[in-house]
């Protein structure tokens, strides 16, 4: 139950953020930098193979932004908007602790 509550809260925050910033066009978005405060708080890495497994033990091989429900791109996109990082794009090969497997 704790996991679904967490997923719901992350979804709600992501949705609210994307609604607030919906006026921005995707062409104007920038890539999330690992040094961004929000990215650091969520353990975002542009390359999922570099995730600190000691700090994020729930990370599993195969998890990446491209197969996360918050990734707004199509299959094969190298980068795409992410509802967690509203107004910014993430690398398809990236990962953060908000990861939820796409259904």
C-alpha atoms as a PDB file:
ATOM      1  CA  UNK A   1       0.000   0.000   0.000  1.00  0.00           C
ATOM      2  CA  UNK A   2       2.835   2.385   0.815  1.00  0.00           C
ATOM      3  CA  UNK A   3       4.195   1.964  -2.707  1.00  0.00           C
ATOM      4  CA  UNK A   4       0.870   2.780  -4.371  1.00  0.00           C
ATOM      5  CA  UNK A   5       0.377   5.818  -2.157  1.00  0.00           C
ATOM      6  CA  UNK A   6       3.869   6.995  -3.099  1.00  0.00           C
ATOM      7  CA  UNK A   7       3.166   6.388  -6.797  1.00  0.00           C
ATOM      8  CA  UNK A   8      -0.093   8.308  -6.515  1.00  0.00           C
ATOM      9  CA  UNK A   9       1.599  11.263  -4.829  1.00  0.00           C
ATOM     10  CA  UNK A  10       4.386  11.333  -7.406  1.00  0.00           C
ATOM     11  CA  UNK A  11       1.791  11.182 -10.189  1.00  0.00           C
ATOM     12  CA  UNK A  12      -0.229  13.982  -8.614  1.00  0.00           C
ATOM     13  CA  UNK A  13       2.819  16.225  -8.216  1.00  0.00           C
ATOM     14  CA  UNK A  14       3.937  15.477 -11.762  1.00  0.00           C
ATOM     15  CA  UNK A  15       0.488  16.179 -13.171  1.00  0.00           C
ATOM     16  CA  UNK A  16       0.133  19.430 -11.256  1.00  0.00           C
ATOM     17  CA  UNK A  17       3.583  20.554 -12.393  1.00  0.00           C
ATOM     18  CA  UNK A  18       2.857  19.722 -16.013  1.00  0.00           C
ATOM     19  CA  UNK A  19      -0.461  21.586 -15.901  1.00  0.00           C
ATOM     20  CA  UNK A  20       1.202  24.682 -14.501  1.00  0.00           C
ATOM     21  CA  UNK A  21       3.876  24.602 -17.177  1.00  0.00           C
ATOM     22  CA  UNK A  22       1.667  23.403 -20.028  1.00  0.00           C
ATOM     23  CA  UNK A  23       2.106  26.686 -21.863  1.00  0.00           C
ATOM     24  CA  UNK A  24       5.737  25.846 -22.614  1.00  0.00           C
ATOM     25  CA  UNK A  25       6.308  24.128 -25.920  1.00  0.00           C
ATOM     26  CA  UNK A  26       8.347  20.952 -25.932  1.00  0.00           C
ATOM     27  CA  UNK A  27      10.768  22.583 -28.382  1.00  0.00           C
ATOM     28  CA  UNK A  28      11.672  25.091 -25.670  1.00  0.00           C
ATOM     29  CA  UNK A  29      12.400  22.495 -23.006  1.00  0.00           C
ATOM     30  CA  UNK A  30      15.869  21.802 -21.766  1.00  0.00           C
ATOM     31  CA  UNK A  31      17.431  18.596 -20.567  1.00  0.00           C
ATOM     32  CA  UNK A  32      17.436  17.828 -16.869  1.00  0.00           C
ATOM     33  CA  UNK A  33      20.951  18.119 -15.520  1.00  0.00           C
ATOM     34  CA  UNK A  34      22.145  15.724 -12.817  1.00  0.00           C
ATOM     35  CA  UNK A  35      23.269  18.819 -10.902  1.00  0.00           C
ATOM     36  CA  UNK A  36      19.717  20.284 -10.743  1.00  0.00           C
ATOM     37  CA  UNK A  37      18.395  20.340  -7.162  1.00  0.00           C
ATOM     38  CA  UNK A  38      15.276  18.282  -8.003  1.00  0.00           C
ATOM     39  CA  UNK A  39      17.367  15.786  -9.979  1.00  0.00           C
ATOM     40  CA  UNK A  40      19.770  15.366  -7.069  1.00  0.00           C
ATOM     41  CA  UNK A  41      16.895  14.875  -4.630  1.00  0.00           C
ATOM     42  CA  UNK A  42      15.525  12.078  -6.828  1.00  0.00           C
ATOM     43  CA  UNK A  43      18.891  10.508  -7.645  1.00  0.00           C
ATOM     44  CA  UNK A  44      18.475  11.218 -11.393  1.00  0.00           C
ATOM     45  CA  UNK A  45      21.209   9.813 -13.627  1.00  0.00           C
ATOM     46  CA  UNK A  46      21.356  10.288 -17.390  1.00  0.00           C
ATOM     47  CA  UNK A  47      22.686   6.728 -17.598  1.00  0.00           C
ATOM     48  CA  UNK A  48      20.791   4.190 -15.477  1.00  0.00           C
ATOM     49  CA  UNK A  49      23.869   1.952 -15.286  1.00  0.00           C
ATOM     50  CA  UNK A  50      25.457   4.612 -13.051  1.00  0.00           C
ATOM     51  CA  UNK A  51      22.724   4.588 -10.362  1.00  0.00           C
ATOM     52  CA  UNK A  52      24.125   4.317  -6.827  1.00  0.00           C
ATOM     53  CA  UNK A  53      22.667   0.922  -5.919  1.00  0.00           C
ATOM     54  CA  UNK A  54      23.628   1.320  -2.265  1.00  0.00           C
ATOM     55  CA  UNK A  55      21.626   4.550  -2.015  1.00  0.00           C
ATOM     56  CA  UNK A  56      18.753   3.309  -4.221  1.00  0.00           C
ATOM     57  CA  UNK A  57      18.392  -0.430  -3.461  1.00  0.00           C
ATOM     58  CA  UNK A  58      15.013  -0.641  -5.242  1.00  0.00           C
ATOM     59  CA  UNK A  59      16.714   0.082  -8.573  1.00  0.00           C
ATOM     60  CA  UNK A  60      16.685  -2.985 -10.815  1.00  0.00           C
ATOM     61  CA  UNK A  61      18.570  -3.634 -14.030  1.00  0.00           C
ATOM     62  CA  UNK A  62      16.404  -2.774 -17.021  1.00  0.00           C
ATOM     63  CA  UNK A  63      14.706   0.192 -15.371  1.00  0.00           C
ATOM     64  CA  UNK A  64      15.126   3.378 -17.417  1.00  0.00           C
ATOM     65  CA  UNK A  65      13.188   6.524 -18.189  1.00  0.00           C
ATOM     66  CA  UNK A  66      12.127   5.053 -21.551  1.00  0.00           C
ATOM     67  CA  UNK A  67      10.013   2.396 -19.800  1.00  0.00           C
ATOM     68  CA  UNK A  68       8.722   4.612 -16.970  1.00  0.00           C
ATOM     69  CA  UNK A  69       5.120   5.828 -16.910  1.00  0.00           C
ATOM     70  CA  UNK A  70       6.273   9.451 -16.489  1.00  0.00           C
ATOM     71  CA  UNK A  71       8.323   9.450 -19.741  1.00  0.00           C
ATOM     72  CA  UNK A  72       6.271  11.241 -22.389  1.00  0.00           C
ATOM     73  CA  UNK A  73       8.230  10.112 -25.442  1.00  0.00           C
ATOM     74  CA  UNK A  74       7.666   7.438 -28.047  1.00  0.00           C
ATOM     75  CA  UNK A  75       9.658   4.245 -28.440  1.00  0.00           C
ATOM     76  CA  UNK A  76      13.061   5.123 -29.859  1.00  0.00           C
ATOM     77  CA  UNK A  77      13.136   8.743 -28.634  1.00  0.00           C
ATOM     78  CA  UNK A  78      16.543   9.609 -27.153  1.00  0.00           C
ATOM     79  CA  UNK A  79      15.028  12.312 -24.933  1.00  0.00           C
ATOM     80  CA  UNK A  80      11.494  13.339 -24.047  1.00  0.00           C
ATOM     81  CA  UNK A  81       9.534  15.371 -21.517  1.00  0.00           C
ATOM     82  CA  UNK A  82       9.002  13.830 -18.091  1.00  0.00           C
ATOM     83  CA  UNK A  83       6.064  14.747 -15.872  1.00  0.00           C
ATOM     84  CA  UNK A  84       8.290  14.541 -12.782  1.00  0.00           C
ATOM     85  CA  UNK A  85      10.654  17.199 -14.164  1.00  0.00           C
ATOM     86  CA  UNK A  86       7.969  19.472 -15.609  1.00  0.00           C
ATOM     87  CA  UNK A  87       9.184  21.666 -18.435  1.00  0.00           C
ATOM     88  CA  UNK A  88      12.341  19.616 -18.937  1.00  0.00           C
ATOM     89  CA  UNK A  89      13.356  16.542 -20.864  1.00  0.00           C
ATOM     90  CA  UNK A  90      15.136  13.441 -19.609  1.00  0.00           C
ATOM     91  CA  UNK A  91      17.336  10.928 -21.377  1.00  0.00           C
ATOM     92  CA  UNK A  92      15.587   7.693 -22.341  1.00  0.00           C
ATOM     93  CA  UNK A  93      18.553   5.869 -20.788  1.00  0.00           C
ATOM     94  CA  UNK A  94      18.189   7.806 -17.521  1.00  0.00           C
ATOM     95  CA  UNK A  95      16.647   6.844 -14.191  1.00  0.00           C
ATOM     96  CA  UNK A  96      15.403   8.480 -10.968  1.00  0.00           C
ATOM     97  CA  UNK A  97      13.862   7.215  -7.752  1.00  0.00           C
ATOM     98  CA  UNK A  98      10.378   8.232  -8.934  1.00  0.00           C
ATOM     99  CA  UNK A  99      10.535   5.410 -11.506  1.00  0.00           C
ATOM    100  CA  UNK A 100       7.273   3.510 -11.993  1.00  0.00           C
ATOM    101  CA  UNK A 101       7.160   0.809 -14.643  1.00  0.00           C
ATOM    102  CA  UNK A 102       4.954   1.714 -17.607  1.00  0.00           C
ATOM    103  CA  UNK A 103       1.894  -0.505 -17.778  1.00  0.00           C
END
